[in-house]
């Protein structure tokens, strides 16, 4: 490609094209596109797009290797990634919050915690960048998956400090989910109270906290929050009781599952397919084949 062909492109336009090429035609074509760009279009946007593509390809290949039962052996994408980071530094290109986020995600995909930590230190000392909660939430997930729970919690605490005045419900949901994944029930409930204080809690919020508590096997608190949801008379989203029905059925609490199905029927006037299905699977998994067949018949 010639400079003339890129005459009307901005760095942002080129980055979008690069991402599309990587997704549709593959990383090699994306590399070729990047290295044929004129120098004025090689800004933080295009570098960030290629860095992100390397991380994405590595994550996909890692999943494929695990599925095949093989160990990861190729360092080619990591080496290319490191070379690109060095090129950014050599050219003196300033990083923005988005690029820091891409770097953290990519180091996570490469299982390079040390590299991620260097990015965090650099980001926090960068006077031109105000990191958002999402970057720390992302780092927390990487620490957790690397078996470094305490560092993961430290990142979530930093994220939590950045959302106290944030009306973005997604921030609260992510923290609740991640604290639950780390087994931190008290912190799950702490963020839940923060959410109720700072925002309007709708059905999605109840789904989030109830499912998180059930992952921690805290049925009692999940049931109390479910009762709170019912008492508020929000639009009846049957997915919320179905979360409990599925958990009851999985844990052999079949009488509770039956009671919850009855509550659903009273609310919506007719049985819901997923409610019956979850109950039937519960019967089947716990040796009550006859009841499972009866429930399937009710469903159909």
Protein backbone atom coordinates (compact mmCIF):
# COMPACT_ATOMS: atom_id res chain seq x y z
CA UNK A 1 0.00 0.00 0.00
CA UNK A 2 1.28 3.49 -0.76
CA UNK A 3 1.09 6.72 1.20
CA UNK A 4 -1.36 7.99 -1.42
CA UNK A 5 -3.80 5.20 -0.61
CA UNK A 6 -3.76 6.33 3.05
CA UNK A 7 -4.16 10.03 2.27
CA UNK A 8 -7.59 10.41 3.86
CA UNK A 9 -7.05 7.98 6.74
CA UNK A 10 -6.50 8.96 10.35
CA UNK A 11 -4.62 6.81 12.84
CA UNK A 12 -8.00 5.85 14.36
CA UNK A 13 -9.33 4.77 10.94
CA UNK A 14 -6.24 2.67 10.31
CA UNK A 15 -6.60 1.03 13.74
CA UNK A 16 -10.19 0.04 12.98
CA UNK A 17 -9.14 -1.44 9.63
CA UNK A 18 -6.29 -3.33 11.27
CA UNK A 19 -8.62 -4.86 13.87
CA UNK A 20 -11.05 -5.91 11.13
CA UNK A 21 -8.28 -7.45 9.04
CA UNK A 22 -7.01 -9.39 12.07
CA UNK A 23 -10.48 -10.77 12.79
CA UNK A 24 -11.42 -11.61 9.20
CA UNK A 25 -8.14 -12.38 7.43
CA UNK A 26 -5.81 -13.29 10.29
CA UNK A 27 -2.91 -11.83 12.23
CA UNK A 28 -0.36 -12.18 9.41
CA UNK A 29 -2.43 -9.98 7.09
CA UNK A 30 -2.90 -7.50 9.94
CA UNK A 31 0.87 -7.36 10.50
CA UNK A 32 1.45 -6.76 6.80
CA UNK A 33 -1.11 -3.96 6.83
CA UNK A 34 0.49 -2.35 9.88
CA UNK A 35 4.06 -2.41 8.56
CA UNK A 36 2.97 -0.94 5.22
CA UNK A 37 1.32 2.02 6.90
CA UNK A 38 3.07 5.37 6.47
CA UNK A 39 4.86 6.55 9.59
CA UNK A 40 2.31 9.29 10.32
CA UNK A 41 -0.41 6.65 10.76
CA UNK A 42 1.63 4.56 13.19
CA UNK A 43 0.26 6.19 16.31
CA UNK A 44 -0.90 4.80 19.61
CA UNK A 45 -4.21 3.70 18.03
CA UNK A 46 -2.63 1.46 15.41
CA UNK A 47 0.04 0.15 17.77
CA UNK A 48 -2.69 -0.60 20.30
CA UNK A 49 -4.78 -2.44 17.70
CA UNK A 50 -1.87 -4.71 16.75
CA UNK A 51 -0.89 -5.31 20.39
CA UNK A 52 -4.48 -6.26 21.15
CA UNK A 53 -4.57 -8.61 18.15
CA UNK A 54 -1.42 -10.41 19.34
CA UNK A 55 -2.98 -10.89 22.76
CA UNK A 56 -6.25 -12.12 21.27
CA UNK A 57 -4.54 -14.63 18.99
CA UNK A 58 -2.44 -15.92 21.89
CA UNK A 59 -5.55 -16.37 24.06
CA UNK A 60 -7.36 -18.28 21.30
CA UNK A 61 -4.36 -20.51 20.59
CA UNK A 62 -3.89 -21.14 24.30
CA UNK A 63 -7.50 -22.34 24.58
CA UNK A 64 -7.05 -24.56 21.52
CA UNK A 65 -3.82 -26.06 22.89
CA UNK A 66 -5.48 -26.78 26.23
CA UNK A 67 -8.46 -28.38 24.46
CA UNK A 68 -6.04 -30.64 22.59
CA UNK A 69 -4.15 -31.46 25.79
CA UNK A 70 -0.92 -29.89 24.53
CA UNK A 71 1.48 -27.51 26.22
CA UNK A 72 1.99 -24.10 24.68
CA UNK A 73 5.31 -24.17 22.86
CA UNK A 74 5.37 -21.18 20.52
CA UNK A 75 6.75 -17.90 21.80
CA UNK A 76 6.43 -16.16 18.43
CA UNK A 77 3.49 -13.91 19.31
CA UNK A 78 5.01 -12.97 22.68
CA UNK A 79 8.28 -12.07 20.98
CA UNK A 80 6.45 -9.97 18.40
CA UNK A 81 4.42 -8.34 21.15
CA UNK A 82 7.55 -7.45 23.15
CA UNK A 83 9.22 -6.07 20.03
CA UNK A 84 6.21 -3.87 19.32
CA UNK A 85 6.16 -2.55 22.89
CA UNK A 86 9.87 -1.70 22.55
CA UNK A 87 9.19 0.08 19.26
CA UNK A 88 6.53 2.23 20.96
CA UNK A 89 9.01 3.16 23.68
CA UNK A 90 11.83 3.80 21.21
CA UNK A 91 9.62 6.18 19.27
CA UNK A 92 8.64 7.99 22.46
CA UNK A 93 4.92 7.48 21.87
CA UNK A 94 2.85 8.33 24.94
CA UNK A 95 0.43 5.70 26.18
CA UNK A 96 -3.20 6.41 26.98
CA UNK A 97 -5.56 4.57 29.34
CA UNK A 98 -6.89 2.37 26.53
CA UNK A 99 -3.40 1.23 25.55
CA UNK A 100 -2.49 0.47 29.17
CA UNK A 101 -5.64 -1.64 29.33
CA UNK A 102 -4.66 -3.47 26.13
CA UNK A 103 -1.17 -4.11 27.49
CA UNK A 104 -2.54 -5.53 30.73
CA UNK A 105 -4.99 -7.81 28.88
CA UNK A 106 -2.28 -9.00 26.52
CA UNK A 107 0.25 -9.74 29.25
CA UNK A 108 -2.52 -11.72 30.91
CA UNK A 109 -3.06 -13.71 27.71
CA UNK A 110 0.68 -14.42 27.63
CA UNK A 111 0.61 -15.48 31.31
CA UNK A 112 3.25 -12.83 31.98
CA UNK A 113 2.36 -11.44 35.41
CA UNK A 114 5.71 -9.68 35.77
CA UNK A 115 5.12 -7.84 32.51
CA UNK A 116 1.65 -6.84 33.66
CA UNK A 117 3.00 -5.53 36.96
CA UNK A 118 5.55 -3.36 35.16
CA UNK A 119 2.70 -1.86 33.12
CA UNK A 120 0.70 -1.17 36.30
CA UNK A 121 3.66 0.60 37.91
CA UNK A 122 4.25 2.64 34.76
CA UNK A 123 0.57 3.54 34.47
CA UNK A 124 0.28 4.66 38.09
CA UNK A 125 3.31 6.92 37.71
CA UNK A 126 2.04 8.43 34.46
CA UNK A 127 0.70 11.92 35.29
CA UNK A 128 -1.27 12.09 32.04
CA UNK A 129 -3.38 8.99 32.72
CA UNK A 130 -6.24 8.52 35.15
CA UNK A 131 -6.87 4.77 35.20
CA UNK A 132 -10.46 3.69 35.55
CA UNK A 133 -11.91 0.87 37.61
CA UNK A 134 -11.93 -1.46 34.62
CA UNK A 135 -8.15 -1.65 34.34
CA UNK A 136 -7.80 -2.76 37.96
CA UNK A 137 -10.69 -5.18 37.57
CA UNK A 138 -8.92 -6.69 34.57
CA UNK A 139 -5.64 -6.98 36.48
CA UNK A 140 -7.50 -8.65 39.33
CA UNK A 141 -8.84 -11.35 37.04
CA UNK A 142 -5.34 -12.05 35.73
CA UNK A 143 -3.94 -12.33 39.26
CA UNK A 144 -6.78 -14.66 40.26
CA UNK A 145 -6.26 -16.94 37.28
CA UNK A 146 -2.55 -16.99 38.14
CA UNK A 147 -3.32 -18.17 41.67
CA UNK A 148 -2.40 -14.83 43.29
CA UNK A 149 -5.58 -14.16 45.24
CA UNK A 150 -4.26 -11.50 47.63
CA UNK A 151 -2.91 -9.37 44.81
CA UNK A 152 -6.20 -9.86 43.00
CA UNK A 153 -8.11 -8.55 46.01
CA UNK A 154 -5.75 -5.58 46.20
CA UNK A 155 -6.63 -4.70 42.60
CA UNK A 156 -10.36 -5.02 43.31
CA UNK A 157 -10.00 -2.69 46.29
CA UNK A 158 -8.41 -0.11 44.00
CA UNK A 159 -11.24 -0.58 41.51
CA UNK A 160 -13.80 -0.23 44.29
CA UNK A 161 -12.26 3.07 45.32
CA UNK A 162 -12.86 4.40 41.82
CA UNK A 163 -16.55 3.51 41.56
CA UNK A 164 -17.98 5.06 44.73
CA UNK A 165 -19.37 7.95 42.70
CA UNK A 166 -19.78 6.00 39.49
CA UNK A 167 -23.30 5.45 38.20
CA UNK A 168 -22.14 2.77 35.74
CA UNK A 169 -23.89 -0.35 37.00
CA UNK A 170 -21.46 -2.58 35.11
CA UNK A 171 -18.69 -1.57 37.52
CA UNK A 172 -20.61 -2.89 40.51
CA UNK A 173 -21.63 -6.08 38.71
CA UNK A 174 -18.03 -6.85 37.73
CA UNK A 175 -16.75 -6.33 41.26
CA UNK A 176 -19.47 -8.52 42.74
CA UNK A 177 -18.69 -11.27 40.22
CA UNK A 178 -14.93 -11.10 40.79
CA UNK A 179 -15.17 -11.00 44.58
CA UNK A 180 -17.42 -14.06 44.40
CA UNK A 181 -14.90 -15.84 42.18
CA UNK A 182 -12.34 -15.27 44.94
CA UNK A 183 -14.66 -16.59 47.64
CA UNK A 184 -15.04 -13.20 49.32
CA UNK A 185 -18.68 -13.19 50.47
CA UNK A 186 -18.36 -10.21 52.81
CA UNK A 187 -16.88 -8.13 50.00
CA UNK A 188 -19.66 -9.24 47.63
CA UNK A 189 -22.22 -7.95 50.11
CA UNK A 190 -20.20 -4.79 50.69
CA UNK A 191 -20.31 -3.88 46.99
CA UNK A 192 -24.00 -4.84 46.91
CA UNK A 193 -24.74 -2.31 49.65
CA UNK A 194 -22.62 0.26 47.82
CA UNK A 195 -24.64 -0.38 44.67
CA UNK A 196 -27.94 0.10 46.49
CA UNK A 197 -26.64 3.32 48.01
CA UNK A 198 -25.25 4.84 44.81
CA UNK A 199 -27.57 3.59 42.09
CA UNK A 200 -30.99 2.32 41.18
CA UNK A 201 -30.96 -1.47 41.45
CA UNK A 202 -32.93 -3.21 38.72
CA UNK A 203 -33.41 -6.85 37.74
CA UNK A 204 -29.92 -7.29 36.34
CA UNK A 205 -28.40 -6.24 39.65
CA UNK A 206 -30.47 -8.82 41.53
CA UNK A 207 -29.51 -11.51 39.03
CA UNK A 208 -25.86 -10.62 39.49
CA UNK A 209 -25.74 -10.73 43.29
CA UNK A 210 -28.02 -13.77 43.68
CA UNK A 211 -26.01 -15.86 41.21
CA UNK A 212 -22.77 -14.74 42.87
CA UNK A 213 -23.99 -15.73 46.33
CA UNK A 214 -25.17 -19.09 45.04
CA UNK A 215 -21.71 -19.76 43.64
CA UNK A 216 -20.53 -19.29 47.23
CA UNK A 217 -23.23 -21.73 48.41
CA UNK A 218 -24.86 -18.99 50.50
CA UNK A 219 -28.46 -19.96 49.88
CA UNK A 220 -29.78 -18.11 52.92
CA UNK A 221 -28.56 -14.67 51.86
CA UNK A 222 -29.52 -15.31 48.24
CA UNK A 223 -33.06 -16.16 49.36
CA UNK A 224 -33.31 -12.99 51.45
CA UNK A 225 -32.25 -10.88 48.48
CA UNK A 226 -34.72 -12.75 46.27
CA UNK A 227 -37.51 -11.93 48.77
CA UNK A 228 -36.40 -8.30 48.68
CA UNK A 229 -36.60 -8.35 44.88
CA UNK A 230 -40.13 -9.81 44.93
CA UNK A 231 -41.26 -7.23 47.50
CA UNK A 232 -40.17 -4.38 45.22
CA UNK A 233 -42.63 -5.45 42.50
CA UNK A 234 -40.25 -4.79 39.64
CA UNK A 235 -41.11 -6.29 36.27
CA UNK A 236 -41.15 -10.04 36.89
CA UNK A 237 -38.06 -11.47 35.23
CA UNK A 238 -38.42 -15.24 35.46
CA UNK A 239 -34.67 -15.66 35.00
CA UNK A 240 -34.19 -14.57 38.61
CA UNK A 241 -36.18 -17.38 40.27
CA UNK A 242 -34.76 -19.75 37.67
CA UNK A 243 -31.28 -19.03 39.04
CA UNK A 244 -32.46 -20.36 42.40
CA UNK A 245 -34.35 -23.30 40.88
CA UNK A 246 -31.22 -24.37 39.02
CA UNK A 247 -29.06 -24.02 42.15
CA UNK A 248 -31.55 -25.93 44.30
CA UNK A 249 -31.80 -28.71 41.72
CA UNK A 250 -28.02 -29.00 41.40
CA UNK A 251 -27.63 -29.17 45.20
CA UNK A 252 -30.37 -31.79 45.69
CA UNK A 253 -32.65 -29.24 47.42
CA UNK A 254 -35.53 -30.49 45.32
CA UNK A 255 -38.36 -29.51 47.68
CA UNK A 256 -37.11 -25.93 47.60
CA UNK A 257 -36.91 -26.13 43.81
CA UNK A 258 -40.52 -27.36 43.67
CA UNK A 259 -41.67 -24.54 45.95
CA UNK A 260 -39.92 -21.97 43.78
CA UNK A 261 -41.53 -23.39 40.63
CA UNK A 262 -44.92 -22.99 42.33
CA UNK A 263 -44.07 -19.37 43.14
CA UNK A 264 -43.22 -18.74 39.51
CA UNK A 265 -46.53 -20.25 38.38
CA UNK A 266 -48.45 -18.03 40.81
CA UNK A 267 -46.68 -14.95 39.47
CA UNK A 268 -46.82 -15.57 35.73
CA UNK A 269 -49.95 -17.72 35.59
CA UNK A 270 -48.35 -20.62 33.79
CA UNK A 271 -45.24 -22.77 34.12
CA UNK A 272 -42.10 -21.46 32.48
CA UNK A 273 -40.15 -23.86 30.26
CA UNK A 274 -36.77 -23.28 31.90
CA UNK A 275 -38.28 -23.61 35.38
CA UNK A 276 -39.60 -27.07 34.52
CA UNK A 277 -36.42 -28.04 32.71
CA UNK A 278 -34.17 -27.13 35.65
CA UNK A 279 -36.41 -29.07 38.02
CA UNK A 280 -36.56 -32.11 35.73
CA UNK A 281 -32.78 -32.20 35.37
CA UNK A 282 -32.51 -32.00 39.16
CA UNK A 283 -34.77 -35.04 39.54
CA UNK A 284 -32.83 -36.93 36.88
CA UNK A 285 -29.43 -36.16 38.41
CA UNK A 286 -30.55 -37.32 41.83
CA UNK A 287 -32.09 -40.64 40.87
CA UNK A 288 -35.75 -39.62 40.68
CA UNK A 289 -36.30 -40.75 37.10
CA UNK A 290 -40.08 -41.09 37.36
CA UNK A 291 -40.50 -37.55 38.66
CA UNK A 292 -38.14 -36.31 35.96
CA UNK A 293 -40.33 -37.89 33.26
CA UNK A 294 -43.50 -36.48 34.83
CA UNK A 295 -41.95 -33.02 34.88
CA UNK A 296 -40.84 -33.31 31.25
CA UNK A 297 -44.42 -34.27 30.36
CA UNK A 298 -45.72 -31.22 32.25
CA UNK A 299 -43.26 -29.07 30.36
CA UNK A 300 -44.30 -30.39 26.94
